C-alpha atoms as a PDB file:
ATOM      1  CA  MET A   1       0.084  -0.175  -0.076  1.00  0.00           C
ATOM      2  CA  ILE A   2       2.428   2.285   0.236  1.00  0.00           C
ATOM      3  CA  ALA A   3       3.968   1.793  -3.179  1.00  0.00           C
ATOM      4  CA  GLU A   4       1.009   2.887  -3.911  1.00  0.00           C
ATOM      5  CA  ALA A   5       0.935   5.662  -1.433  1.00  0.00           C
ATOM      6  CA  ALA A   6       4.393   7.509  -2.404  1.00  0.00           C
ATOM      7  CA  GLN A   7       2.739   7.371  -7.007  1.00  0.00           C
ATOM      8  CA  ALA A   8      -0.499   8.445  -6.292  1.00  0.00           C
ATOM      9  CA  GLN A   9       1.684  11.306  -4.155  1.00  0.00           C
ATOM     10  CA  LYS A  10       4.059  11.857  -6.989  1.00  0.00           C
ATOM     11  CA  ASP A  11       0.868  12.393  -9.174  1.00  0.00           C
ATOM     12  CA  GLY A  12       0.173  15.103  -6.856  1.00  0.00           C
ATOM     13  CA  ALA A  13      -2.880  13.242  -4.772  1.00  0.00           C
ATOM     14  CA  GLU A  14      -2.160  14.354  -0.622  1.00  0.00           C
ATOM     15  CA  PHE A  15      -4.609  11.936   0.156  1.00  0.00           C
ATOM     16  CA  PHE A  16      -4.730   8.043   0.097  1.00  0.00           C
ATOM     17  CA  SER A  17      -7.606   6.390   1.283  1.00  0.00           C
ATOM     18  CA  ILE A  18      -7.303   2.332   2.757  1.00  0.00           C
ATOM     19  CA  VAL A  19     -11.119   0.659   2.437  1.00  0.00           C
ATOM     20  CA  THR A  20     -11.779  -2.660   2.672  1.00  0.00           C
ATOM     21  CA  SER A  21     -15.168  -4.630   1.883  1.00  0.00           C
ATOM     22  CA  GLY A  22     -17.554  -6.830   4.610  1.00  0.00           C
ATOM     23  CA  LYS A  23     -18.376  -5.472   8.427  1.00  0.00           C
ATOM     24  CA  ARG A  24     -15.661  -5.193   9.958  1.00  0.00           C
ATOM     25  CA  VAL A  25     -12.128  -6.074   9.131  1.00  0.00           C
ATOM     26  CA  LYS A  26     -11.605  -9.370  11.874  1.00  0.00           C
ATOM     27  CA  ALA A  27      -8.344 -10.803  11.477  1.00  0.00           C
ATOM     28  CA  LYS A  28      -4.996  -9.077  13.907  1.00  0.00           C
ATOM     29  CA  LYS A  29      -2.805 -10.226  11.367  1.00  0.00           C
ATOM     30  CA  GLU A  30      -5.026  -7.636   8.899  1.00  0.00           C
ATOM     31  CA  TRP A  31      -4.670  -4.476  11.722  1.00  0.00           C
ATOM     32  CA  VAL A  32      -1.018  -4.791  11.359  1.00  0.00           C
ATOM     33  CA  GLU A  33      -1.092  -4.509   8.176  1.00  0.00           C
ATOM     34  CA  ILE A  34      -3.297  -1.488   8.277  1.00  0.00           C
ATOM     35  CA  TYR A  35      -1.954   0.075  11.091  1.00  0.00           C
ATOM     36  CA  LYS A  36       1.874  -0.289   8.992  1.00  0.00           C
ATOM     37  CA  ALA A  37       1.296   1.177   5.957  1.00  0.00           C
ATOM     38  CA  ILE A  38      -0.930   4.259   7.927  1.00  0.00           C
ATOM     39  CA  SER A  39       1.888   4.796  10.158  1.00  0.00           C
ATOM     40  CA  GLY A  40       4.831   4.382   6.176  1.00  0.00           C
ATOM     41  CA  MET A  41       1.840   6.269   4.499  1.00  0.00           C
ATOM     42  CA  ARG A  42       2.900   9.905   7.249  1.00  0.00           C
ATOM     43  CA  ARG A  43       6.456   9.481   6.574  1.00  0.00           C
ATOM     44  CA  ILE A  44       6.203   9.748   2.799  1.00  0.00           C
ATOM     45  CA  GLY A  45       3.999  12.373   3.085  1.00  0.00           C
ATOM     46  CA  ILE A  46       1.174  11.897   2.720  1.00  0.00           C
ATOM     47  CA  SER A  47      -1.995  12.335   4.327  1.00  0.00           C
ATOM     48  CA  PRO A  48      -3.949   8.462   5.092  1.00  0.00           C
ATOM     49  CA  CYS A  49      -7.528   8.251   5.389  1.00  0.00           C
ATOM     50  CA  ALA A  50      -9.654   4.997   5.872  1.00  0.00           C
ATOM     51  CA  SER A  51     -13.445   2.929   5.745  1.00  0.00           C
ATOM     52  CA  LEU A  52     -13.055  -0.234   7.424  1.00  0.00           C
ATOM     53  CA  GLY A  53     -16.691  -0.875   8.582  1.00  0.00           C
ATOM     54  CA  MET A  54     -16.579  -0.799  12.015  1.00  0.00           C
ATOM     55  CA  ILE A  55     -15.172   0.008  14.773  1.00  0.00           C
ATOM     56  CA  ASP A  56     -15.185   0.602  18.093  1.00  0.00           C
ATOM     57  CA  ALA A  57     -13.054   3.647  20.279  1.00  0.00           C
ATOM     58  CA  GLU A  58      -9.783   1.632  20.905  1.00  0.00           C
ATOM     59  CA  LYS A  59      -9.391   0.933  17.764  1.00  0.00           C
ATOM     60  CA  ALA A  60     -10.163   4.505  17.095  1.00  0.00           C
ATOM     61  CA  ARG A  61      -7.424   5.809  19.374  1.00  0.00           C
ATOM     62  CA  GLU A  62      -5.795   2.857  17.259  1.00  0.00           C
ATOM     63  CA  LEU A  63      -5.482   4.041  13.837  1.00  0.00           C
ATOM     64  CA  LYS A  64      -5.049   7.567  15.569  1.00  0.00           C
ATOM     65  CA  ALA A  65      -1.520   7.138  17.038  1.00  0.00           C
ATOM     66  CA  ALA A  66      -0.680   6.041  13.766  1.00  0.00           C
ATOM     67  CA  GLY A  67      -1.348   8.947  12.246  1.00  0.00           C
ATOM     68  CA  LEU A  68      -4.458   8.058  10.422  1.00  0.00           C
ATOM     69  CA  PHE A  69      -6.390  11.564   9.195  1.00  0.00           C
ATOM     70  CA  ARG A  70      -9.451  10.719   8.216  1.00  0.00           C
ATOM     71  CA  TYR A  71     -12.190   8.004   9.028  1.00  0.00           C
END
């Protein structure tokens, strides 16, 4: 995802969205990948956004801590 975000930034994008299908992200492995992608996007200077289905307050705080710009 970071490579795609970097290309989007090179093409002039200021934001990059992560979107999943389904009601919510369940697998811990997927959450780890999402957190890494968000922090990686912040490192390269693009603002990460996400639409990941239903989340609780704890996940919202974790996403914010990882660097999520908008949910």
